[in-house]
Amino acid sequence: MSKPDHQLSFSTYWNRVNEALRTAGEPIAGREEAEMLYETSQPVEDVASVIIDQRRHNAAEEDRADRVYWERN
């Protein structure tokens, strides 16, 4: 029986998050991305989904900001 995710060492947790991200075809997580979510004790699969959602949200915000800039200039 494996340990619940919140009892894993950060290194093991980070490796599992990165494995889940690679499986989803996403780039691996930076230490800061994983560390912040490790502290919440969320399961690895949930953390991978949160990271993917955050990345997509940030990319969409950047796209909107670019469009607004180019429309005004």
C-alpha atoms as a PDB file:
ATOM      1  CA  MET A   1       0.000   0.000   0.000  1.00  0.00           C
ATOM      2  CA  SER A   2       1.432   3.364  -0.963  1.00  0.00           C
ATOM      3  CA  LYS A   3       1.479   6.492   1.128  1.00  0.00           C
ATOM      4  CA  PRO A   4      -1.207   9.100   0.511  1.00  0.00           C
ATOM      5  CA  ASP A   5       0.186  11.923  -1.619  1.00  0.00           C
ATOM      6  CA  HIS A   6       0.327  14.376   1.282  1.00  0.00           C
ATOM      7  CA  GLN A   7       2.745  12.061   3.126  1.00  0.00           C
ATOM      8  CA  LEU A   8       5.182  11.725   0.231  1.00  0.00           C
ATOM      9  CA  SER A   9       8.483  13.553   0.299  1.00  0.00           C
ATOM     10  CA  PHE A  10       8.426  16.639  -1.882  1.00  0.00           C
ATOM     11  CA  SER A  11      10.881  15.050  -4.307  1.00  0.00           C
ATOM     12  CA  THR A  12       8.680  11.977  -4.820  1.00  0.00           C
ATOM     13  CA  TYR A  13       5.566  14.159  -5.092  1.00  0.00           C
ATOM     14  CA  TRP A  14       7.235  16.412  -7.672  1.00  0.00           C
ATOM     15  CA  ASN A  15       8.351  13.386  -9.696  1.00  0.00           C
ATOM     16  CA  ARG A  16       4.799  12.004  -9.724  1.00  0.00           C
ATOM     17  CA  VAL A  17       3.337  15.371 -10.710  1.00  0.00           C
ATOM     18  CA  ASN A  18       5.830  15.566 -13.582  1.00  0.00           C
ATOM     19  CA  GLU A  19       4.987  12.014 -14.639  1.00  0.00           C
ATOM     20  CA  ALA A  20       1.276  12.932 -14.729  1.00  0.00           C
ATOM     21  CA  LEU A  21       2.068  16.079 -16.734  1.00  0.00           C
ATOM     22  CA  ARG A  22       4.197  14.153 -19.249  1.00  0.00           C
ATOM     23  CA  THR A  23       1.398  11.608 -19.623  1.00  0.00           C
ATOM     24  CA  ALA A  24      -0.926  14.511 -20.458  1.00  0.00           C
ATOM     25  CA  GLY A  25       1.574  15.787 -23.047  1.00  0.00           C
ATOM     26  CA  GLU A  26       2.500  18.821 -20.958  1.00  0.00           C
ATOM     27  CA  PRO A  27       5.900  20.220 -20.005  1.00  0.00           C
ATOM     28  CA  ILE A  28       7.122  19.269 -16.546  1.00  0.00           C
ATOM     29  CA  ALA A  29       6.396  21.500 -13.562  1.00  0.00           C
ATOM     30  CA  GLY A  30       8.900  23.957 -12.212  1.00  0.00           C
ATOM     31  CA  ARG A  31       9.798  23.560  -8.574  1.00  0.00           C
ATOM     32  CA  GLU A  32       7.762  26.651  -7.642  1.00  0.00           C
ATOM     33  CA  GLU A  33       4.637  25.331  -9.376  1.00  0.00           C
ATOM     34  CA  ALA A  34       4.838  22.001  -7.587  1.00  0.00           C
ATOM     35  CA  GLU A  35       5.962  23.378  -4.216  1.00  0.00           C
ATOM     36  CA  MET A  36       3.042  25.746  -3.884  1.00  0.00           C
ATOM     37  CA  LEU A  37       0.549  22.937  -4.535  1.00  0.00           C
ATOM     38  CA  TYR A  38       2.452  20.366  -2.430  1.00  0.00           C
ATOM     39  CA  GLU A  39       1.684  22.483   0.611  1.00  0.00           C
ATOM     40  CA  THR A  40      -2.058  22.065  -0.039  1.00  0.00           C
ATOM     41  CA  SER A  41      -1.803  18.246   0.246  1.00  0.00           C
ATOM     42  CA  GLN A  42      -3.786  17.765  -2.972  1.00  0.00           C
ATOM     43  CA  PRO A  43      -3.492  14.416  -4.763  1.00  0.00           C
ATOM     44  CA  VAL A  44      -0.958  14.284  -7.601  1.00  0.00           C
ATOM     45  CA  GLU A  45      -3.588  13.926 -10.333  1.00  0.00           C
ATOM     46  CA  ASP A  46      -5.448  16.966  -9.031  1.00  0.00           C
ATOM     47  CA  VAL A  47      -2.245  18.984  -8.890  1.00  0.00           C
ATOM     48  CA  ALA A  48      -1.355  18.084 -12.472  1.00  0.00           C
ATOM     49  CA  SER A  49      -4.836  19.238 -13.561  1.00  0.00           C
ATOM     50  CA  VAL A  50      -4.513  22.468 -11.584  1.00  0.00           C
ATOM     51  CA  ILE A  51      -1.125  23.201 -13.173  1.00  0.00           C
ATOM     52  CA  ILE A  52      -2.502  22.541 -16.663  1.00  0.00           C
ATOM     53  CA  ASP A  53      -5.534  24.767 -15.986  1.00  0.00           C
ATOM     54  CA  GLN A  54      -3.319  27.550 -14.585  1.00  0.00           C
ATOM     55  CA  ARG A  55      -1.036  27.405 -17.616  1.00  0.00           C
ATOM     56  CA  ARG A  56      -3.981  27.583 -20.009  1.00  0.00           C
ATOM     57  CA  HIS A  57      -5.525  30.447 -18.055  1.00  0.00           C
ATOM     58  CA  ASN A  58      -2.236  32.370 -18.066  1.00  0.00           C
ATOM     59  CA  ALA A  59      -1.763  31.774 -21.794  1.00  0.00           C
ATOM     60  CA  ALA A  60      -5.303  33.009 -22.487  1.00  0.00           C
ATOM     61  CA  GLU A  61      -4.683  36.129 -20.379  1.00  0.00           C
ATOM     62  CA  GLU A  62      -1.472  36.831 -22.290  1.00  0.00           C
ATOM     63  CA  ASP A  63      -3.288  36.386 -25.601  1.00  0.00           C
ATOM     64  CA  ARG A  64      -6.016  38.817 -24.507  1.00  0.00           C
ATOM     65  CA  ALA A  65      -3.443  41.359 -23.365  1.00  0.00           C
ATOM     66  CA  ASP A  66      -1.612  41.065 -26.691  1.00  0.00           C
ATOM     67  CA  ARG A  67      -4.840  41.554 -28.648  1.00  0.00           C
ATOM     68  CA  VAL A  68      -5.778  44.614 -26.622  1.00  0.00           C
ATOM     69  CA  TYR A  69      -2.304  46.075 -27.102  1.00  0.00           C
ATOM     70  CA  TRP A  70      -2.326  45.557 -30.866  1.00  0.00           C
ATOM     71  CA  GLU A  71      -5.895  46.838 -31.223  1.00  0.00           C
ATOM     72  CA  ARG A  72      -4.951  50.069 -29.455  1.00  0.00           C
ATOM     73  CA  ASN A  73      -1.655  50.622 -31.258  1.00  0.00           C
END
